PDB file of N, CA and C in Angstrom:
ATOM      1  N   UNK A   1      -2.230 -31.702   4.021  1.00  0.00           N
ATOM      2  CA  UNK A   1      -3.105 -32.240   3.142  1.00  0.00           C
ATOM      3  C   UNK A   1      -4.262 -31.453   2.628  1.00  0.00           C
ATOM      4  N   UNK A   2      -4.582 -30.538   3.457  1.00  0.00           N
ATOM      5  CA  UNK A   2      -5.762 -29.511   2.870  1.00  0.00           C
ATOM      6  C   UNK A   2      -5.128 -28.336   2.298  1.00  0.00           C
ATOM      7  N   UNK A   3      -3.872 -28.152   2.271  1.00  0.00           N
ATOM      8  CA  UNK A   3      -3.312 -26.868   1.684  1.00  0.00           C
ATOM      9  C   UNK A   3      -3.734 -27.031   0.001  1.00  0.00           C
ATOM     10  N   UNK A   4      -4.111 -25.811  -0.429  1.00  0.00           N
ATOM     11  CA  UNK A   4      -4.476 -25.658  -1.727  1.00  0.00           C
ATOM     12  C   UNK A   4      -3.446 -26.181  -2.712  1.00  0.00           C
ATOM     13  N   UNK A   5      -3.703 -26.987  -3.545  1.00  0.00           N
ATOM     14  CA  UNK A   5      -2.582 -27.413  -4.631  1.00  0.00           C
ATOM     15  C   UNK A   5      -1.778 -28.721  -3.878  1.00  0.00           C
ATOM     16  N   UNK A   6      -2.081 -29.144  -2.851  1.00  0.00           N
ATOM     17  CA  UNK A   6      -1.159 -30.223  -2.530  1.00  0.00           C
ATOM     18  C   UNK A   6      -1.885 -31.558  -2.930  1.00  0.00           C
ATOM     19  N   UNK A   7      -0.763 -32.347  -3.407  1.00  0.00           N
ATOM     20  CA  UNK A   7      -1.215 -33.577  -4.114  1.00  0.00           C
ATOM     21  C   UNK A   7       0.004 -34.400  -4.393  1.00  0.00           C
ATOM     22  N   UNK A   8      -0.342 -35.829  -4.004  1.00  0.00           N
ATOM     23  CA  UNK A   8       0.798 -36.829  -4.344  1.00  0.00           C
ATOM     24  C   UNK A   8       0.513 -37.449  -5.690  1.00  0.00           C
ATOM     25  N   UNK A   9      -0.528 -36.875  -6.526  1.00  0.00           N
ATOM     26  CA  UNK A   9      -0.826 -37.509  -7.740  1.00  0.00           C
ATOM     27  C   UNK A   9      -0.142 -36.657  -8.920  1.00  0.00           C
ATOM     28  N   UNK A  10       0.386 -35.303  -8.683  1.00  0.00           N
ATOM     29  CA  UNK A  10       0.845 -34.647  -9.831  1.00  0.00           C
ATOM     30  C   UNK A  10       0.241 -33.189  -9.806  1.00  0.00           C
ATOM     31  N   UNK A  11       0.642 -32.424 -10.874  1.00  0.00           N
ATOM     32  CA  UNK A  11       0.361 -31.110 -10.994  1.00  0.00           C
ATOM     33  C   UNK A  11      -1.153 -30.935 -11.445  1.00  0.00           C
ATOM     34  N   UNK A  12      -1.714 -29.893 -11.008  1.00  0.00           N
ATOM     35  CA  UNK A  12      -3.189 -29.685 -11.450  1.00  0.00           C
ATOM     36  C   UNK A  12      -4.143 -30.313 -10.570  1.00  0.00           C
ATOM     37  N   UNK A  13      -3.791 -30.811  -9.513  1.00  0.00           N
ATOM     38  CA  UNK A  13      -4.616 -31.571  -8.478  1.00  0.00           C
ATOM     39  C   UNK A  13      -4.593 -30.776  -7.205  1.00  0.00           C
ATOM     40  N   UNK A  14      -5.290 -31.445  -6.168  1.00  0.00           N
ATOM     41  CA  UNK A  14      -5.025 -31.002  -4.789  1.00  0.00           C
ATOM     42  C   UNK A  14      -5.876 -29.952  -4.175  1.00  0.00           C
ATOM     43  N   UNK A  15      -7.103 -29.745  -4.757  1.00  0.00           N
ATOM     44  CA  UNK A  15      -7.877 -28.783  -4.626  1.00  0.00           C
ATOM     45  C   UNK A  15      -9.033 -29.070  -3.762  1.00  0.00           C
ATOM     46  N   UNK A  16      -9.519 -30.593  -3.859  1.00  0.00           N
ATOM     47  CA  UNK A  16     -10.811 -30.854  -3.132  1.00  0.00           C
ATOM     48  C   UNK A  16     -10.844 -30.869  -1.595  1.00  0.00           C
ATOM     49  N   UNK A  17      -9.719 -31.239  -1.004  1.00  0.00           N
ATOM     50  CA  UNK A  17      -9.627 -31.025   0.494  1.00  0.00           C
ATOM     51  C   UNK A  17      -9.703 -29.646   0.856  1.00  0.00           C
ATOM     52  N   UNK A  18      -8.971 -28.817   0.169  1.00  0.00           N
ATOM     53  CA  UNK A  18      -8.859 -27.413   0.413  1.00  0.00           C
ATOM     54  C   UNK A  18     -10.318 -26.974   0.219  1.00  0.00           C
ATOM     55  N   UNK A  19     -11.038 -27.176  -0.581  1.00  0.00           N
ATOM     56  CA  UNK A  19     -12.385 -26.630  -0.826  1.00  0.00           C
ATOM     57  C   UNK A  19     -13.196 -26.925   0.346  1.00  0.00           C
ATOM     58  N   UNK A  20     -13.046 -28.277   0.749  1.00  0.00           N
ATOM     59  CA  UNK A  20     -13.918 -28.720   2.016  1.00  0.00           C
ATOM     60  C   UNK A  20     -13.519 -27.969   3.193  1.00  0.00           C
ATOM     61  N   UNK A  21     -12.287 -27.806   3.464  1.00  0.00           N
ATOM     62  CA  UNK A  21     -12.009 -26.873   4.619  1.00  0.00           C
ATOM     63  C   UNK A  21     -12.584 -25.482   4.432  1.00  0.00           C
ATOM     64  N   UNK A  22     -12.474 -24.792   3.373  1.00  0.00           N
ATOM     65  CA  UNK A  22     -13.106 -23.550   3.146  1.00  0.00           C
ATOM     66  C   UNK A  22     -14.715 -23.598   3.516  1.00  0.00           C
ATOM     67  N   UNK A  23     -15.334 -24.600   2.908  1.00  0.00           N
ATOM     68  CA  UNK A  23     -16.790 -24.898   3.034  1.00  0.00           C
ATOM     69  C   UNK A  23     -17.031 -24.997   4.746  1.00  0.00           C
ATOM     70  N   UNK A  24     -16.204 -25.768   5.403  1.00  0.00           N
ATOM     71  CA  UNK A  24     -16.469 -25.952   6.874  1.00  0.00           C
ATOM     72  C   UNK A  24     -16.330 -24.745   7.706  1.00  0.00           C
ATOM     73  N   UNK A  25     -15.459 -23.738   7.109  1.00  0.00           N
ATOM     74  CA  UNK A  25     -15.348 -22.646   7.961  1.00  0.00           C
ATOM     75  C   UNK A  25     -16.511 -21.635   7.961  1.00  0.00           C
ATOM     76  N   UNK A  26     -17.426 -21.885   7.039  1.00  0.00           N
ATOM     77  CA  UNK A  26     -18.733 -21.214   6.665  1.00  0.00           C
ATOM     78  C   UNK A  26     -19.751 -21.757   7.332  1.00  0.00           C
ATOM     79  N   UNK A  27     -19.825 -23.095   7.660  1.00  0.00           N
ATOM     80  CA  UNK A  27     -20.928 -23.754   8.095  1.00  0.00           C
ATOM     81  C   UNK A  27     -20.667 -24.610   9.230  1.00  0.00           C
ATOM     82  N   UNK A  28     -21.316 -24.222  10.364  1.00  0.00           N
ATOM     83  CA  UNK A  28     -21.036 -25.030  11.644  1.00  0.00           C
ATOM     84  C   UNK A  28     -21.856 -26.382  11.799  1.00  0.00           C
ATOM     85  N   UNK A  29     -22.743 -26.561  10.898  1.00  0.00           N
ATOM     86  CA  UNK A  29     -23.663 -27.687  10.634  1.00  0.00           C
ATOM     87  C   UNK A  29     -23.225 -28.867  10.014  1.00  0.00           C
ATOM     88  N   UNK A  30     -21.803 -28.807   9.628  1.00  0.00           N
ATOM     89  CA  UNK A  30     -21.136 -30.041   8.962  1.00  0.00           C
ATOM     90  C   UNK A  30     -20.137 -30.511   9.772  1.00  0.00           C
ATOM     91  N   UNK A  31     -19.899 -31.798   9.704  1.00  0.00           N
ATOM     92  CA  UNK A  31     -18.939 -32.559  10.455  1.00  0.00           C
ATOM     93  C   UNK A  31     -17.872 -33.184   9.298  1.00  0.00           C
ATOM     94  N   UNK A  32     -16.600 -33.024   9.557  1.00  0.00           N
ATOM     95  CA  UNK A  32     -15.664 -33.677   8.736  1.00  0.00           C
ATOM     96  C   UNK A  32     -14.509 -34.457   9.306  1.00  0.00           C
ATOM     97  N   UNK A  33     -14.323 -35.757   8.817  1.00  0.00           N
ATOM     98  CA  UNK A  33     -13.345 -36.675   9.345  1.00  0.00           C
ATOM     99  C   UNK A  33     -12.640 -36.935   8.086  1.00  0.00           C
ATOM    100  N   UNK A  34     -11.108 -36.841   8.327  1.00  0.00           N
ATOM    101  CA  UNK A  34     -10.228 -37.126   7.494  1.00  0.00           C
ATOM    102  C   UNK A  34      -9.123 -38.070   7.950  1.00  0.00           C
ATOM    103  N   UNK A  35      -9.112 -39.445   7.395  1.00  0.00           N
ATOM    104  CA  UNK A  35      -8.202 -40.374   7.932  1.00  0.00           C
ATOM    105  C   UNK A  35      -7.298 -40.865   6.765  1.00  0.00           C
ATOM    106  N   UNK A  36      -6.249 -41.454   6.919  1.00  0.00           N
ATOM    107  CA  UNK A  36      -5.426 -42.223   6.000  1.00  0.00           C
ATOM    108  C   UNK A  36      -5.545 -43.732   6.463  1.00  0.00           C
ATOM    109  N   UNK A  37      -5.952 -44.655   5.532  1.00  0.00           N
ATOM    110  CA  UNK A  37      -6.161 -46.013   5.944  1.00  0.00           C
ATOM    111  C   UNK A  37      -5.528 -46.756   4.687  1.00  0.00           C
ATOM    112  N   UNK A  38      -4.377 -47.506   4.963  1.00  0.00           N
ATOM    113  CA  UNK A  38      -3.820 -48.332   4.047  1.00  0.00           C
ATOM    114  C   UNK A  38      -3.532 -47.464   2.680  1.00  0.00           C
ATOM    115  N   UNK A  39      -2.751 -46.456   3.082  1.00  0.00           N
ATOM    116  CA  UNK A  39      -2.379 -45.493   1.985  1.00  0.00           C
ATOM    117  C   UNK A  39      -3.516 -44.811   1.085  1.00  0.00           C
ATOM    118  N   UNK A  40      -4.544 -44.933   1.690  1.00  0.00           N
ATOM    119  CA  UNK A  40      -5.661 -44.262   0.869  1.00  0.00           C
ATOM    120  C   UNK A  40      -6.331 -43.125   1.790  1.00  0.00           C
ATOM    121  N   UNK A  41      -6.575 -42.026   1.463  1.00  0.00           N
ATOM    122  CA  UNK A  41      -7.382 -41.027   2.120  1.00  0.00           C
ATOM    123  C   UNK A  41      -8.754 -41.327   2.152  1.00  0.00           C
ATOM    124  N   UNK A  42      -9.489 -41.351   3.286  1.00  0.00           N
ATOM    125  CA  UNK A  42     -10.872 -41.558   3.638  1.00  0.00           C
ATOM    126  C   UNK A  42     -11.448 -40.222   3.989  1.00  0.00           C
ATOM    127  N   UNK A  43     -12.433 -39.887   3.529  1.00  0.00           N
ATOM    128  CA  UNK A  43     -13.045 -38.523   3.964  1.00  0.00           C
ATOM    129  C   UNK A  43     -14.527 -38.808   4.175  1.00  0.00           C
ATOM    130  N   UNK A  44     -14.979 -38.358   5.405  1.00  0.00           N
ATOM    131  CA  UNK A  44     -16.410 -38.393   5.660  1.00  0.00           C
ATOM    132  C   UNK A  44     -16.810 -37.219   5.944  1.00  0.00           C
ATOM    133  N   UNK A  45     -17.895 -36.542   5.148  1.00  0.00           N
ATOM    134  CA  UNK A  45     -18.512 -35.268   5.207  1.00  0.00           C
ATOM    135  C   UNK A  45     -20.041 -35.410   5.682  1.00  0.00           C
ATOM    136  N   UNK A  46     -20.427 -34.960   6.993  1.00  0.00           N
ATOM    137  CA  UNK A  46     -21.727 -35.214   7.447  1.00  0.00           C
ATOM    138  C   UNK A  46     -22.293 -33.748   7.649  1.00  0.00           C
ATOM    139  N   UNK A  47     -23.514 -33.692   6.906  1.00  0.00           N
ATOM    140  CA  UNK A  47     -24.230 -32.399   6.928  1.00  0.00           C
ATOM    141  C   UNK A  47     -25.597 -32.662   7.902  1.00  0.00           C
ATOM    142  N   UNK A  48     -25.520 -31.949   8.970  1.00  0.00           N
ATOM    143  CA  UNK A  48     -26.583 -31.956   9.973  1.00  0.00           C
ATOM    144  C   UNK A  48     -27.949 -31.090   9.619  1.00  0.00           C
ATOM    145  N   UNK A  49     -29.080 -31.807   9.476  1.00  0.00           N
ATOM    146  CA  UNK A  49     -30.079 -31.228   8.913  1.00  0.00           C
ATOM    147  C   UNK A  49     -31.141 -31.123  10.146  1.00  0.00           C
ATOM    148  N   UNK A  50     -31.628 -30.007  10.556  1.00  0.00           N
ATOM    149  CA  UNK A  50     -32.661 -29.848  11.667  1.00  0.00           C
ATOM    150  C   UNK A  50     -33.941 -29.797  11.232  1.00  0.00           C
TER     151      UNK A  50
END
């Protein structure tokens, strides 16, 4: 699902989850949870501020 261009909604979509993965690789102060609930993708992104 996080592969660039992956989408079940059609062409020209599927970049958001890929961009989040790229961001997470650069920032260790972020927590990401991705689940599928009742055919919907639920994404939680938490940024830890010290």
